[in-house]
Amino acid sequence: MHIVSALFVENFEMRQAPGPSTRIDITGAMFSMAAPSRAPLTITPHLVALIYCPPADSGQGVFEVVFRRTGDPLGTDVPAVDDEHVARNVSPFTVEPGKFTYRLVRGELEFPDYGPVFAHCRIDRGPWLVVPFTLLPPA
């Protein structure tokens, strides 16, 4: 299995389309946001990951997201054990082989000051996909 896409979003809805086929309506995709108040503060952005399961795979997996203060925006690093870990979410999932599924993670992220957090995402013990999110000063 592999992650097709991962984004921070304001809203995510699924709907049926002729076929049968499914449509995903994603609104407010973002990589940054203005803080709603002065730091320090905690925010809870939604991270949605779209996952594809090839027909020959079992359809069983574990989705892991580790939010860290550092990260390689190209997704080539592996989070270091001593790196500051902000939050973590691990969730098993099942998907029919040959189909797609999604994982929705709502991180509770503490920001002592403005700046980036990186969501390191992977399936099982596979490669990391890194998604940046930056908290900006209030507008």
Protein backbone atom coordinates (compact mmCIF):
# COMPACT_ATOMS: atom_id res chain seq x y z
CA MET A 1 0.00 0.00 0.00
CA HIS A 2 1.08 3.57 -0.44
CA ILE A 3 0.05 7.12 0.40
CA VAL A 4 -1.25 8.90 -2.69
CA SER A 5 -1.64 12.28 -0.98
CA ALA A 6 -1.64 13.89 2.46
CA LEU A 7 -2.85 17.43 3.20
CA PHE A 8 -4.01 19.62 6.03
CA VAL A 9 -7.60 20.60 5.25
CA GLU A 10 -10.51 22.61 6.64
CA ASN A 11 -13.17 20.20 5.38
CA PHE A 12 -13.35 16.73 3.81
CA GLU A 13 -16.51 15.03 2.51
CA MET A 14 -17.16 11.93 0.43
CA ARG A 15 -20.08 11.50 -1.97
CA GLN A 16 -21.28 8.88 -4.42
CA ALA A 17 -21.11 9.44 -8.17
CA PRO A 18 -22.42 7.33 -11.06
CA GLY A 19 -20.40 4.28 -11.82
CA PRO A 20 -20.37 3.33 -8.88
CA SER A 21 -17.67 5.79 -8.09
CA THR A 22 -16.76 7.97 -5.13
CA ARG A 23 -15.89 11.64 -5.15
CA ILE A 24 -13.91 13.39 -2.43
CA ASP A 25 -14.64 17.04 -1.81
CA ILE A 26 -11.66 18.70 -0.13
CA THR A 27 -11.87 22.36 0.83
CA GLY A 28 -9.41 24.64 2.49
CA ALA A 29 -6.26 22.64 1.74
CA MET A 30 -3.49 24.48 3.58
CA PHE A 31 0.15 24.43 4.52
CA SER A 32 -0.08 27.39 6.89
CA MET A 33 -2.59 29.45 8.86
CA ALA A 34 -2.70 32.64 10.86
CA ALA A 35 -2.95 31.92 14.57
CA PRO A 36 -6.40 32.65 16.05
CA SER A 37 -4.68 34.24 19.08
CA ARG A 38 -1.19 34.99 20.35
CA ALA A 39 1.26 32.16 21.08
CA PRO A 40 1.54 29.97 23.03
CA LEU A 41 -1.56 28.11 21.90
CA THR A 42 -2.89 24.71 20.83
CA ILE A 43 -4.56 24.14 17.46
CA THR A 44 -6.21 21.04 16.01
CA PRO A 45 -5.82 20.96 12.21
CA HIS A 46 -7.16 18.00 10.21
CA LEU A 47 -4.70 15.94 8.19
CA VAL A 48 -6.25 13.72 5.53
CA ALA A 49 -4.26 10.96 3.81
CA LEU A 50 -5.47 9.11 0.73
CA ILE A 51 -4.17 5.53 0.55
CA TYR A 52 -4.18 3.08 -2.36
CA CYS A 53 -4.06 -0.69 -1.95
CA PRO A 54 -2.82 -2.60 -5.03
CA PRO A 55 -4.90 -5.67 -6.00
CA ALA A 56 -2.21 -8.12 -4.82
CA ASP A 57 -1.91 -6.64 -1.29
CA SER A 58 -3.70 -7.94 1.81
CA GLY A 59 -5.66 -4.75 2.54
CA GLN A 60 -4.49 -4.66 6.17
CA GLY A 61 -2.26 -1.81 7.34
CA VAL A 62 -1.32 0.61 10.08
CA PHE A 63 -1.22 4.35 9.40
CA GLU A 64 1.21 6.28 11.59
CA VAL A 65 1.60 10.05 11.89
CA VAL A 66 4.29 11.64 14.04
CA PHE A 67 4.17 15.43 14.35
CA ARG A 68 7.64 16.92 14.86
CA ARG A 69 9.26 20.36 14.97
CA THR A 70 11.80 19.39 12.31
CA GLY A 71 11.43 17.64 9.00
CA ASP A 72 12.79 17.35 5.52
CA PRO A 73 10.20 18.93 3.19
CA LEU A 74 11.32 16.50 0.48
CA GLY A 75 10.27 13.57 2.67
CA THR A 76 13.64 11.85 2.64
CA ASP A 77 14.42 11.91 6.35
CA VAL A 78 13.52 9.49 9.09
CA PRO A 79 12.43 11.12 12.36
CA ALA A 80 15.24 10.91 14.87
CA VAL A 81 14.53 9.37 18.26
CA ASP A 82 15.78 12.51 20.03
CA ASP A 83 13.84 14.93 17.77
CA GLU A 84 11.07 16.85 19.57
CA HIS A 85 7.87 14.94 19.05
CA VAL A 86 4.73 17.11 19.33
CA ALA A 87 2.04 14.45 18.88
CA ARG A 88 1.57 10.94 17.48
CA ASN A 89 -1.34 8.95 16.06
CA VAL A 90 -1.36 5.27 15.08
CA SER A 91 -4.46 3.64 13.59
CA PRO A 92 -4.96 0.22 11.99
CA PHE A 93 -7.14 0.11 8.88
CA THR A 94 -8.59 -2.26 6.31
CA VAL A 95 -9.16 -1.49 2.64
CA GLU A 96 -10.39 -3.74 -0.16
CA PRO A 97 -7.45 -4.67 -2.44
CA GLY A 98 -7.53 -2.60 -5.63
CA LYS A 99 -9.33 0.27 -3.87
CA PHE A 100 -8.62 3.51 -2.05
CA THR A 101 -9.28 4.53 1.54
CA TYR A 102 -8.56 7.57 3.64
CA ARG A 103 -7.31 8.31 7.13
CA LEU A 104 -8.34 11.49 8.91
CA VAL A 105 -6.10 12.59 11.79
CA ARG A 106 -6.88 15.53 14.01
CA GLY A 107 -3.65 16.50 15.69
CA GLU A 108 -3.70 18.45 18.94
CA LEU A 109 -0.61 20.54 18.35
CA GLU A 110 0.96 22.80 20.95
CA PHE A 111 2.79 25.83 19.60
CA PRO A 112 5.01 27.61 22.14
CA ASP A 113 5.72 30.11 19.34
CA TYR A 114 4.93 30.57 15.64
CA GLY A 115 6.68 28.33 13.13
CA PRO A 116 6.50 24.96 11.44
CA VAL A 117 5.42 21.48 12.46
CA PHE A 118 5.96 18.52 10.15
CA ALA A 119 3.55 15.58 9.91
CA HIS A 120 5.67 12.48 9.20
CA CYS A 121 3.25 9.90 7.72
CA ARG A 122 3.78 6.25 6.79
CA ILE A 123 2.02 2.94 6.34
CA ASP A 124 3.37 0.03 8.36
CA ARG A 125 7.16 0.44 8.37
CA GLY A 126 7.24 2.00 4.89
CA PRO A 127 8.87 5.24 3.75
CA TRP A 128 7.95 8.52 5.42
CA LEU A 129 5.94 11.20 3.63
CA VAL A 130 6.45 14.61 5.26
CA VAL A 131 3.75 17.31 5.19
CA PRO A 132 4.67 20.79 6.49
CA PHE A 133 2.32 23.05 8.42
CA THR A 134 3.32 26.54 9.59
CA LEU A 135 1.57 28.60 12.22
CA LEU A 136 1.84 32.30 11.38
CA PRO A 137 1.36 35.29 13.70
CA PRO A 138 -2.25 36.50 14.00
CA ALA A 139 -3.46 38.53 11.01
